[in-house]
Amino acid sequence: AYKIKVYPGQVHGFAQLKPEDMKPQDKPYIEEARQDMFDWIKMY
């Protein structure tokens, strides 16, 4: 099993920011990427 996902408007390094370092417009995508990451791990 594999999966590829591209997050709109996001630059290199977007997914590892602490909440206080996120820009408001990026926050939903960062949170989505993290949730997706944990969902994938939890599956296996």
ModelCIF file with pLDDT and N, C-alpha, C, O atoms, coordinates in Angstrom:
data_MODEL
#
_entry.id   MODEL 
#
_entity.id                         1 
_entity.type                       polymer 
_entity.pdbx_number_of_molecules   1 
#
_entity_poly.entity_id                      1 
_entity_poly.type                           'polypeptide(L)' 
_entity_poly.nstd_linkage                   no 
_entity_poly.nstd_monomer                   no 
_entity_poly.pdbx_seq_one_letter_code       AYKIKVYPGQVHGFAQLKPEDMKPQDKPYIEEARQDMFDWIKMY 
_entity_poly.pdbx_seq_one_letter_code_can   AYKIKVYPGQVHGFAQLKPEDMKPQDKPYIEEARQDMFDWIKMY 
_entity_poly.pdbx_strand_id                 A 
#
loop_
_entity_poly_seq.entity_id 
_entity_poly_seq.num 
_entity_poly_seq.mon_id 
_entity_poly_seq.hetero 
1 1  ALA n 
1 2  TYR n 
1 3  LYS n 
1 4  ILE n 
1 5  LYS n 
1 6  VAL n 
1 7  TYR n 
1 8  PRO n 
1 9  GLY n 
1 10 GLN n 
1 11 VAL n 
1 12 HIS n 
1 13 GLY n 
1 14 PHE n 
1 15 ALA n 
1 16 GLN n 
1 17 LEU n 
1 18 LYS n 
1 19 PRO n 
1 20 GLU n 
1 21 ASP n 
1 22 MET n 
1 23 LYS n 
1 24 PRO n 
1 25 GLN n 
1 26 ASP n 
1 27 LYS n 
1 28 PRO n 
1 29 TYR n 
1 30 ILE n 
1 31 GLU n 
1 32 GLU n 
1 33 ALA n 
1 34 ARG n 
1 35 GLN n 
1 36 ASP n 
1 37 MET n 
1 38 PHE n 
1 39 ASP n 
1 40 TRP n 
1 41 ILE n 
1 42 LYS n 
1 43 MET n 
1 44 TYR n 
#
_struct_asym.id          A 
_struct_asym.entity_id   1 
#
loop_
_ma_qa_metric.id 
_ma_qa_metric.mode 
_ma_qa_metric.name 
_ma_qa_metric.software_group_id 
_ma_qa_metric.type 
1 global pLDDT . pLDDT 
2 local  pLDDT . pLDDT 
#
_ma_qa_metric_global.metric_id      1 
_ma_qa_metric_global.metric_value   95.50 
_ma_qa_metric_global.model_id       1 
_ma_qa_metric_global.ordinal_id     1 
#
loop_
_ma_qa_metric_local.label_asym_id 
_ma_qa_metric_local.label_comp_id 
_ma_qa_metric_local.label_seq_id 
_ma_qa_metric_local.metric_id 
_ma_qa_metric_local.metric_value 
_ma_qa_metric_local.model_id 
_ma_qa_metric_local.ordinal_id 
A ALA 1  2 98.00 1 1  
A TYR 2  2 98.00 1 2  
A LYS 3  2 98.00 1 3  
A ILE 4  2 98.00 1 4  
A LYS 5  2 98.00 1 5  
A VAL 6  2 98.00 1 6  
A TYR 7  2 97.00 1 7  
A PRO 8  2 96.00 1 8  
A GLY 9  2 94.00 1 9  
A GLN 10 2 95.00 1 10 
A VAL 11 2 93.00 1 11 
A HIS 12 2 93.00 1 12 
A GLY 13 2 92.00 1 13 
A PHE 14 2 94.00 1 14 
A ALA 15 2 95.00 1 15 
A GLN 16 2 92.00 1 16 
A LEU 17 2 92.00 1 17 
A LYS 18 2 91.00 1 18 
A PRO 19 2 91.00 1 19 
A GLU 20 2 90.00 1 20 
A ASP 21 2 89.00 1 21 
A MET 22 2 91.00 1 22 
A LYS 23 2 91.00 1 23 
A PRO 24 2 93.00 1 24 
A GLN 25 2 94.00 1 25 
A ASP 26 2 94.00 1 26 
A LYS 27 2 96.00 1 27 
A PRO 28 2 97.00 1 28 
A TYR 29 2 97.00 1 29 
A ILE 30 2 97.00 1 30 
A GLU 31 2 97.00 1 31 
A GLU 32 2 98.00 1 32 
A ALA 33 2 98.00 1 33 
A ARG 34 2 97.00 1 34 
A GLN 35 2 98.00 1 35 
A ASP 36 2 98.00 1 36 
A MET 37 2 98.00 1 37 
A PHE 38 2 98.00 1 38 
A ASP 39 2 98.00 1 39 
A TRP 40 2 98.00 1 40 
A ILE 41 2 98.00 1 41 
A LYS 42 2 98.00 1 42 
A MET 43 2 98.00 1 43 
A TYR 44 2 98.00 1 44 
#
loop_
_atom_site.group_PDB 
_atom_site.id 
_atom_site.type_symbol 
_atom_site.label_atom_id 
_atom_site.label_alt_id 
_atom_site.label_comp_id 
_atom_site.label_asym_id 
_atom_site.label_entity_id 
_atom_site.label_seq_id 
_atom_site.pdbx_PDB_ins_code 
_atom_site.Cartn_x 
_atom_site.Cartn_y 
_atom_site.Cartn_z 
_atom_site.occupancy 
_atom_site.B_iso_or_equiv 
_atom_site.pdbx_formal_charge 
_atom_site.auth_seq_id 
_atom_site.auth_comp_id 
_atom_site.auth_asym_id 
_atom_site.auth_atom_id 
_atom_site.pdbx_PDB_model_num 
ATOM 1   N N  . ALA A 1 1  ? 0.840  -1.207 0.000  1.00 98.00 ? 1  ALA A N  1 
ATOM 2   C CA . ALA A 1 1  ? 0.000  0.000  0.000  1.00 98.00 ? 1  ALA A CA 1 
ATOM 3   C C  . ALA A 1 1  ? 0.871  1.251  0.000  1.00 98.00 ? 1  ALA A C  1 
ATOM 4   O O  . ALA A 1 1  ? 1.884  1.312  0.697  1.00 98.00 ? 1  ALA A O  1 
ATOM 5   N N  . TYR A 1 2  ? 0.472  2.247  -0.784 1.00 98.00 ? 2  TYR A N  1 
ATOM 6   C CA . TYR A 1 2  ? 1.153  3.539  -0.780 1.00 98.00 ? 2  TYR A CA 1 
ATOM 7   C C  . TYR A 1 2  ? 0.119  4.625  -1.061 1.00 98.00 ? 2  TYR A C  1 
ATOM 8   O O  . TYR A 1 2  ? -0.989 4.359  -1.527 1.00 98.00 ? 2  TYR A O  1 
ATOM 9   N N  . LYS A 1 3  ? 0.520  5.845  -0.763 1.00 98.00 ? 3  LYS A N  1 
ATOM 10  C CA . LYS A 1 3  ? -0.376 6.970  -0.994 1.00 98.00 ? 3  LYS A CA 1 
ATOM 11  C C  . LYS A 1 3  ? 0.490  8.196  -1.244 1.00 98.00 ? 3  LYS A C  1 
ATOM 12  O O  . LYS A 1 3  ? 1.555  8.346  -0.645 1.00 98.00 ? 3  LYS A O  1 
ATOM 13  N N  . ILE A 1 4  ? 0.029  9.069  -2.127 1.00 98.00 ? 4  ILE A N  1 
ATOM 14  C CA . ILE A 1 4  ? 0.710  10.342 -2.384 1.00 98.00 ? 4  ILE A CA 1 
ATOM 15  C C  . ILE A 1 4  ? -0.335 11.437 -2.231 1.00 98.00 ? 4  ILE A C  1 
ATOM 16  O O  . ILE A 1 4  ? -1.437 11.327 -2.768 1.00 98.00 ? 4  ILE A O  1 
ATOM 17  N N  . LYS A 1 5  ? 0.005  12.482 -1.508 1.00 98.00 ? 5  LYS A N  1 
ATOM 18  C CA . LYS A 1 5  ? -0.949 13.590 -1.360 1.00 98.00 ? 5  LYS A CA 1 
ATOM 19  C C  . LYS A 1 5  ? -0.198 14.916 -1.411 1.00 98.00 ? 5  LYS A C  1 
ATOM 20  O O  . LYS A 1 5  ? 0.853  15.074 -0.791 1.00 98.00 ? 5  LYS A O  1 
ATOM 21  N N  . VAL A 1 6  ? -0.753 15.859 -2.157 1.00 98.00 ? 6  VAL A N  1 
ATOM 22  C CA . VAL A 1 6  ? -0.158 17.191 -2.307 1.00 98.00 ? 6  VAL A CA 1 
ATOM 23  C C  . VAL A 1 6  ? -1.098 18.199 -1.646 1.00 98.00 ? 6  VAL A C  1 
ATOM 24  O O  . VAL A 1 6  ? -2.295 18.212 -1.934 1.00 98.00 ? 6  VAL A O  1 
ATOM 25  N N  . TYR A 1 7  ? -0.563 19.041 -0.764 1.00 97.00 ? 7  TYR A N  1 
ATOM 26  C CA . TYR A 1 7  ? -1.380 19.975 0.023  1.00 97.00 ? 7  TYR A CA 1 
ATOM 27  C C  . TYR A 1 7  ? -1.340 21.364 -0.617 1.00 97.00 ? 7  TYR A C  1 
ATOM 28  O O  . TYR A 1 7  ? -0.259 21.913 -0.831 1.00 97.00 ? 7  TYR A O  1 
ATOM 29  N N  . PRO A 1 8  ? -2.499 21.931 -0.922 1.00 96.00 ? 8  PRO A N  1 
ATOM 30  C CA . PRO A 1 8  ? -2.576 23.203 -1.658 1.00 96.00 ? 8  PRO A CA 1 
ATOM 31  C C  . PRO A 1 8  ? -1.821 24.345 -0.985 1.00 96.00 ? 8  PRO A C  1 
ATOM 32  O O  . PRO A 1 8  ? -1.914 24.554 0.224  1.00 96.00 ? 8  PRO A O  1 
ATOM 33  N N  . GLY A 1 9  ? -1.066 25.081 -1.813 1.00 94.00 ? 9  GLY A N  1 
ATOM 34  C CA . GLY A 1 9  ? -0.415 26.317 -1.367 1.00 94.00 ? 9  GLY A CA 1 
ATOM 35  C C  . GLY A 1 9  ? 0.743  26.154 -0.402 1.00 94.00 ? 9  GLY A C  1 
ATOM 36  O O  . GLY A 1 9  ? 1.284  27.145 0.087  1.00 94.00 ? 9  GLY A O  1 
ATOM 37  N N  . GLN A 1 10 ? 1.135  24.908 -0.117 1.00 95.00 ? 10 GLN A N  1 
ATOM 38  C CA . GLN A 1 10 ? 2.136  24.697 0.938  1.00 95.00 ? 10 GLN A CA 1 
ATOM 39  C C  . GLN A 1 10 ? 3.560  24.599 0.381  1.00 95.00 ? 10 GLN A C  1 
ATOM 40  O O  . GLN A 1 10 ? 3.804  23.998 -0.665 1.00 95.00 ? 10 GLN A O  1 
ATOM 41  N N  . VAL A 1 11 ? 4.490  25.213 1.123  1.00 93.00 ? 11 VAL A N  1 
ATOM 42  C CA . VAL A 1 11 ? 5.895  25.237 0.712  1.00 93.00 ? 11 VAL A CA 1 
ATOM 43  C C  . VAL A 1 11 ? 6.668  24.149 1.462  1.00 93.00 ? 11 VAL A C  1 
ATOM 44  O O  . VAL A 1 11 ? 6.116  23.461 2.321  1.00 93.00 ? 11 VAL A O  1 
ATOM 45  N N  . HIS A 1 12 ? 7.936  24.007 1.127  1.00 93.00 ? 12 HIS A N  1 
ATOM 46  C CA . HIS A 1 12 ? 8.786  23.000 1.759  1.00 93.00 ? 12 HIS A CA 1 
ATOM 47  C C  . HIS A 1 12 ? 8.869  23.259 3.263  1.00 93.00 ? 12 HIS A C  1 
ATOM 48  O O  . HIS A 1 12 ? 9.089  24.390 3.697  1.00 93.00 ? 12 HIS A O  1 
ATOM 49  N N  . GLY A 1 13 ? 8.692  22.209 4.040  1.00 92.00 ? 13 GLY A N  1 
ATOM 50  C CA . GLY A 1 13 ? 8.826  22.347 5.491  1.00 92.00 ? 13 GLY A CA 1 
ATOM 51  C C  . GLY A 1 13 ? 7.549  22.709 6.223  1.00 92.00 ? 13 GLY A C  1 
ATOM 52  O O  . GLY A 1 13 ? 7.577  22.972 7.425  1.00 92.00 ? 13 GLY A O  1 
ATOM 53  N N  . PHE A 1 14 ? 6.412  22.726 5.505  1.00 94.00 ? 14 PHE A N  1 
ATOM 54  C CA . PHE A 1 14 ? 5.184  23.254 6.123  1.00 94.00 ? 14 PHE A CA 1 
ATOM 55  C C  . PHE A 1 14 ? 4.654  22.419 7.276  1.00 94.00 ? 14 PHE A C  1 
ATOM 56  O O  . PHE A 1 14 ? 4.041  22.968 8.192  1.00 94.00 ? 14 PHE A O  1 
ATOM 57  N N  . ALA A 1 15 ? 4.872  21.108 7.261  1.00 95.00 ? 15 ALA A N  1 
ATOM 58  C CA . ALA A 1 15 ? 4.114  20.235 8.169  1.00 95.00 ? 15 ALA A CA 1 
ATOM 59  C C  . ALA A 1 15 ? 4.700  20.083 9.565  1.00 95.00 ? 15 ALA A C  1 
ATOM 60  O O  . ALA A 1 15 ? 4.095  19.430 10.415 1.00 95.00 ? 15 ALA A O  1 
ATOM 61  N N  . GLN A 1 16 ? 5.875  20.676 9.822  1.00 92.00 ? 16 GLN A N  1 
ATOM 62  C CA . GLN A 1 16 ? 6.463  20.433 11.140 1.00 92.00 ? 16 GLN A CA 1 
ATOM 63  C C  . GLN A 1 16 ? 6.444  21.653 12.058 1.00 92.00 ? 16 GLN A C  1 
ATOM 64  O O  . GLN A 1 16 ? 7.139  21.684 13.073 1.00 92.00 ? 16 GLN A O  1 
ATOM 65  N N  . LEU A 1 17 ? 5.654  22.647 11.699 1.00 92.00 ? 17 LEU A N  1 
ATOM 66  C CA . LEU A 1 17 ? 5.636  23.871 12.499 1.00 92.00 ? 17 LEU A CA 1 
ATOM 67  C C  . LEU A 1 17 ? 4.857  23.720 13.797 1.00 92.00 ? 17 LEU A C  1 
ATOM 68  O O  . LEU A 1 17 ? 3.868  22.990 13.862 1.00 92.00 ? 17 LEU A O  1 
ATOM 69  N N  . LYS A 1 18 ? 5.315  24.419 14.826 1.00 91.00 ? 18 LYS A N  1 
ATOM 70  C CA . LYS A 1 18 ? 4.569  24.519 16.070 1.00 91.00 ? 18 LYS A CA 1 
ATOM 71  C C  . LYS A 1 18 ? 3.396  25.473 15.829 1.00 91.00 ? 18 LYS A C  1 
ATOM 72  O O  . LYS A 1 18 ? 3.500  26.371 14.994 1.00 91.00 ? 18 LYS A O  1 
ATOM 73  N N  . PRO A 1 19 ? 2.278  25.293 16.550 1.00 91.00 ? 19 PRO A N  1 
ATOM 74  C CA . PRO A 1 19 ? 1.081  26.101 16.279 1.00 91.00 ? 19 PRO A CA 1 
ATOM 75  C C  . PRO A 1 19 ? 1.335  27.611 16.246 1.00 91.00 ? 19 PRO A C  1 
ATOM 76  O O  . PRO A 1 19 ? 0.774  28.315 15.405 1.00 91.00 ? 19 PRO A O  1 
ATOM 77  N N  . GLU A 1 20 ? 2.175  28.109 17.154 1.00 90.00 ? 20 GLU A N  1 
ATOM 78  C CA . GLU A 1 20 ? 2.400  29.564 17.210 1.00 90.00 ? 20 GLU A CA 1 
ATOM 79  C C  . GLU A 1 20 ? 3.240  30.081 16.039 1.00 90.00 ? 20 GLU A C  1 
ATOM 80  O O  . GLU A 1 20 ? 3.329  31.290 15.826 1.00 90.00 ? 20 GLU A O  1 
ATOM 81  N N  . ASP A 1 21 ? 3.863  29.160 15.270 1.00 89.00 ? 21 ASP A N  1 
ATOM 82  C CA . ASP A 1 21 ? 4.676  29.579 14.121 1.00 89.00 ? 21 ASP A CA 1 
ATOM 83  C C  . ASP A 1 21 ? 3.921  29.456 12.790 1.00 89.00 ? 21 ASP A C  1 
ATOM 84  O O  . ASP A 1 21 ? 4.457  29.792 11.734 1.00 89.00 ? 21 ASP A O  1 
ATOM 85  N N  . MET A 1 22 ? 2.689  28.980 12.851 1.00 91.00 ? 22 MET A N  1 
ATOM 86  C CA . MET A 1 22 ? 1.919  28.792 11.619 1.00 91.00 ? 22 MET A CA 1 
ATOM 87  C C  . MET A 1 22 ? 1.269  30.095 11.168 1.00 91.00 ? 22 MET A C  1 
ATOM 88  O O  . MET A 1 22 ? 0.876  30.923 11.990 1.00 91.00 ? 22 MET A O  1 
ATOM 89  N N  . LYS A 1 23 ? 1.161  30.265 9.861  1.00 91.00 ? 23 LYS A N  1 
ATOM 90  C CA . LYS A 1 23 ? 0.366  31.367 9.327  1.00 91.00 ? 23 LYS A CA 1 
ATOM 91  C C  . LYS A 1 23 ? -1.085 30.903 9.270  1.00 91.00 ? 23 LYS A C  1 
ATOM 92  O O  . LYS A 1 23 ? -1.352 29.745 8.948  1.00 91.00 ? 23 LYS A O  1 
ATOM 93  N N  . PRO A 1 24 ? -2.030 31.800 9.583  1.00 93.00 ? 24 PRO A N  1 
ATOM 94  C CA . PRO A 1 24 ? -3.439 31.388 9.648  1.00 93.00 ? 24 PRO A CA 1 
ATOM 95  C C  . PRO A 1 24 ? -3.931 30.681 8.378  1.00 93.00 ? 24 PRO A C  1 
ATOM 96  O O  . PRO A 1 24 ? -4.703 29.726 8.455  1.00 93.00 ? 24 PRO A O  1 
ATOM 97  N N  . GLN A 1 25 ? -3.479 31.156 7.211  1.00 94.00 ? 25 GLN A N  1 
ATOM 98  C CA . GLN A 1 25 ? -3.983 30.553 5.966  1.00 94.00 ? 25 GLN A CA 1 
ATOM 99  C C  . GLN A 1 25 ? -3.437 29.134 5.740  1.00 94.00 ? 25 GLN A C  1 
ATOM 100 O O  . GLN A 1 25 ? -4.013 28.352 4.985  1.00 94.00 ? 25 GLN A O  1 
ATOM 101 N N  . ASP A 1 26 ? -2.318 28.816 6.406  1.00 94.00 ? 26 ASP A N  1 
ATOM 102 C CA . ASP A 1 26 ? -1.714 27.490 6.230  1.00 94.00 ? 26 ASP A CA 1 
ATOM 103 C C  . ASP A 1 26 ? -2.166 26.482 7.281  1.00 94.00 ? 26 ASP A C  1 
ATOM 104 O O  . ASP A 1 26 ? -2.081 25.271 7.073  1.00 94.00 ? 26 ASP A O  1 
ATOM 105 N N  . LYS A 1 27 ? -2.642 26.989 8.395  1.00 96.00 ? 27 LYS A N  1 
ATOM 106 C CA . LYS A 1 27 ? -2.960 26.132 9.541  1.00 96.00 ? 27 LYS A CA 1 
ATOM 107 C C  . LYS A 1 27 ? -3.861 24.931 9.186  1.00 96.00 ? 27 LYS A C  1 
ATOM 108 O O  . LYS A 1 27 ? -3.562 23.810 9.597  1.00 96.00 ? 27 LYS A O  1 
ATOM 109 N N  . PRO A 1 28 ? -4.960 25.143 8.429  1.00 97.00 ? 28 PRO A N  1 
ATOM 110 C CA . PRO A 1 28 ? -5.821 23.990 8.111  1.00 97.00 ? 28 PRO A CA 1 
ATOM 111 C C  . PRO A 1 28 ? -5.079 22.884 7.345  1.00 97.00 ? 28 PRO A C  1 
ATOM 112 O O  . PRO A 1 28 ? -5.319 21.698 7.567  1.00 97.00 ? 28 PRO A O  1 
ATOM 113 N N  . TYR A 1 29 ? -4.183 23.285 6.449  1.00 97.00 ? 29 TYR A N  1 
ATOM 114 C CA . TYR A 1 29 ? -3.460 22.286 5.650  1.00 97.00 ? 29 TYR A CA 1 
ATOM 115 C C  . TYR A 1 29 ? -2.408 21.562 6.484  1.00 97.00 ? 29 TYR A C  1 
ATOM 116 O O  . TYR A 1 29 ? -2.175 20.365 6.312  1.00 97.00 ? 29 TYR A O  1 
ATOM 117 N N  . ILE A 1 30 ? -1.778 22.305 7.387  1.00 97.00 ? 30 ILE A N  1 
ATOM 118 C CA . ILE A 1 30 ? -0.780 21.702 8.277  1.00 97.00 ? 30 ILE A CA 1 
ATOM 119 C C  . ILE A 1 30 ? -1.467 20.678 9.184  1.00 97.00 ? 30 ILE A C  1 
ATOM 120 O O  . ILE A 1 30 ? -0.978 19.564 9.376  1.00 97.00 ? 30 ILE A O  1 
ATOM 121 N N  . GLU A 1 31 ? -2.606 21.084 9.732  1.00 97.00 ? 31 GLU A N  1 
ATOM 122 C CA . GLU A 1 31 ? -3.346 20.177 10.627 1.00 97.00 ? 31 GLU A CA 1 
ATOM 123 C C  . GLU A 1 31 ? -3.852 18.953 9.881  1.00 97.00 ? 31 GLU A C  1 
ATOM 124 O O  . GLU A 1 31 ? -3.848 17.841 10.410 1.00 97.00 ? 31 GLU A O  1 
ATOM 125 N N  . GLU A 1 32 ? -4.292 19.172 8.638  1.00 98.00 ? 32 GLU A N  1 
ATOM 126 C CA . GLU A 1 32 ? -4.769 18.058 7.810  1.00 98.00 ? 32 GLU A CA 1 
ATOM 127 C C  . GLU A 1 32 ? -3.623 17.079 7.510  1.00 98.00 ? 32 GLU A C  1 
ATOM 128 O O  . GLU A 1 32 ? -3.799 15.863 7.588  1.00 98.00 ? 32 GLU A O  1 
ATOM 129 N N  . ALA A 1 33 ? -2.458 17.621 7.171  1.00 98.00 ? 33 ALA A N  1 
ATOM 130 C CA . ALA A 1 33 ? -1.300 16.765 6.864  1.00 98.00 ? 33 ALA A CA 1 
ATOM 131 C C  . ALA A 1 33 ? -0.914 15.933 8.082  1.00 98.00 ? 33 ALA A C  1 
ATOM 132 O O  . ALA A 1 33 ? -0.596 14.750 7.962  1.00 98.00 ? 33 ALA A O  1 
ATOM 133 N N  . ARG A 1 34 ? -0.946 16.566 9.260  1.00 97.00 ? 34 ARG A N  1 
ATOM 134 C CA . ARG A 1 34 ? -0.606 15.836 10.487 1.00 97.00 ? 34 ARG A CA 1 
ATOM 135 C C  . ARG A 1 34 ? -1.632 14.755 10.781 1.00 97.00 ? 34 ARG A C  1 
ATOM 136 O O  . ARG A 1 34 ? -1.284 13.633 11.151 1.00 97.00 ? 34 ARG A O  1 
ATOM 137 N N  . GLN A 1 35 ? -2.906 15.107 10.612 1.00 98.00 ? 35 GLN A N  1 
ATOM 138 C CA . GLN A 1 35 ? -3.962 14.124 10.857 1.00 98.00 ? 35 GLN A CA 1 
ATOM 139 C C  . GLN A 1 35 ? -3.814 12.943 9.896  1.00 98.00 ? 35 GLN A C  1 
ATOM 140 O O  . GLN A 1 35 ? -3.947 11.783 10.287 1.00 98.00 ? 35 GLN A O  1 
ATOM 141 N N  . ASP A 1 36 ? -3.535 13.264 8.632  1.00 98.00 ? 36 ASP A N  1 
ATOM 142 C CA . ASP A 1 36 ? -3.340 12.212 7.623  1.00 98.00 ? 36 ASP A CA 1 
ATOM 143 C C  . ASP A 1 36 ? -2.158 11.316 7.995  1.00 98.00 ? 36 ASP A C  1 
ATOM 144 O O  . ASP A 1 36 ? -2.213 10.097 7.836  1.00 98.00 ? 36 ASP A O  1 
ATOM 145 N N  . MET A 1 37 ? -1.097 11.939 8.491  1.00 98.00 ? 37 MET A N  1 
ATOM 146 C CA . MET A 1 37 ? 0.096  11.203 8.905  1.00 98.00 ? 37 MET A CA 1 
ATOM 147 C C  . MET A 1 37 ? -0.249 10.212 10.019 1.00 98.00 ? 37 MET A C  1 
ATOM 148 O O  . MET A 1 37 ? 0.122  9.040  9.956  1.00 98.00 ? 37 MET A O  1 
ATOM 149 N N  . PHE A 1 38 ? -0.961 10.697 11.035 1.00 98.00 ? 38 PHE A N  1 
ATOM 150 C CA . PHE A 1 38 ? -1.316 9.819  12.150 1.00 98.00 ? 38 PHE A CA 1 
ATOM 151 C C  . PHE A 1 38 ? -2.337 8.759  11.745 1.00 98.00 ? 38 PHE A C  1 
ATOM 152 O O  . PHE A 1 38 ? -2.287 7.638  12.251 1.00 98.00 ? 38 PHE A O  1 
ATOM 153 N N  . ASP A 1 39 ? -3.261 9.090  10.845 1.00 98.00 ? 39 ASP A N  1 
ATOM 154 C CA . ASP A 1 39 ? -4.238 8.102  10.369 1.00 98.00 ? 39 ASP A CA 1 
ATOM 155 C C  . ASP A 1 39 ? -3.524 6.951  9.659  1.00 98.00 ? 39 ASP A C  1 
ATOM 156 O O  . ASP A 1 39 ? -3.879 5.783  9.822  1.00 98.00 ? 39 ASP A O  1 
ATOM 157 N N  . TRP A 1 40 ? -2.506 7.310  8.864  1.00 98.00 ? 40 TRP A N  1 
ATOM 158 C CA . TRP A 1 40 ? -1.745 6.287  8.131  1.00 98.00 ? 40 TRP A CA 1 
ATOM 159 C C  . TRP A 1 40 ? -0.997 5.369  9.101  1.00 98.00 ? 40 TRP A C  1 
ATOM 160 O O  . TRP A 1 40 ? -1.016 4.146  8.966  1.00 98.00 ? 40 TRP A O  1 
ATOM 161 N N  . ILE A 1 41 ? -0.342 5.991  10.075 1.00 98.00 ? 41 ILE A N  1 
ATOM 162 C CA . ILE A 1 41 ? 0.409  5.197  11.066 1.00 98.00 ? 41 ILE A CA 1 
ATOM 163 C C  . ILE A 1 41 ? -0.541 4.272  11.828 1.00 98.00 ? 41 ILE A C  1 
ATOM 164 O O  . ILE A 1 41 ? -0.247 3.095  12.037 1.00 98.00 ? 41 ILE A O  1 
ATOM 165 N N  . LYS A 1 42 ? -1.682 4.824  12.237 1.00 98.00 ? 42 LYS A N  1 
ATOM 166 C CA . LYS A 1 42 ? -2.639 4.060  13.036 1.00 98.00 ? 42 LYS A CA 1 
ATOM 167 C C  . LYS A 1 42 ? -3.179 2.841  12.268 1.00 98.00 ? 42 LYS A C  1 
ATOM 168 O O  . LYS A 1 42 ? -3.514 1.814  12.857 1.00 98.00 ? 42 LYS A O  1 
ATOM 169 N N  . MET A 1 43 ? -3.253 2.987  10.947 1.00 98.00 ? 43 MET A N  1 
ATOM 170 C CA . MET A 1 43 ? -3.762 1.894  10.119 1.00 98.00 ? 43 MET A CA 1 
ATOM 171 C C  . MET A 1 43 ? -2.843 0.672  10.157 1.00 98.00 ? 43 MET A C  1 
ATOM 172 O O  . MET A 1 43 ? -3.301 -0.461 10.010 1.00 98.00 ? 43 MET A O  1 
ATOM 173 N N  . TYR A 1 44 ? -1.561 0.906  10.352 1.00 98.00 ? 44 TYR A N  1 
ATOM 174 C CA . TYR A 1 44 ? -0.578 -0.188 10.240 1.00 98.00 ? 44 TYR A CA 1 
ATOM 175 C C  . TYR A 1 44 ? 0.209  -0.479 11.510 1.00 98.00 ? 44 TYR A C  1 
ATOM 176 O O  . TYR A 1 44 ? 1.055  -1.373 11.520 1.00 98.00 ? 44 TYR A O  1 
#
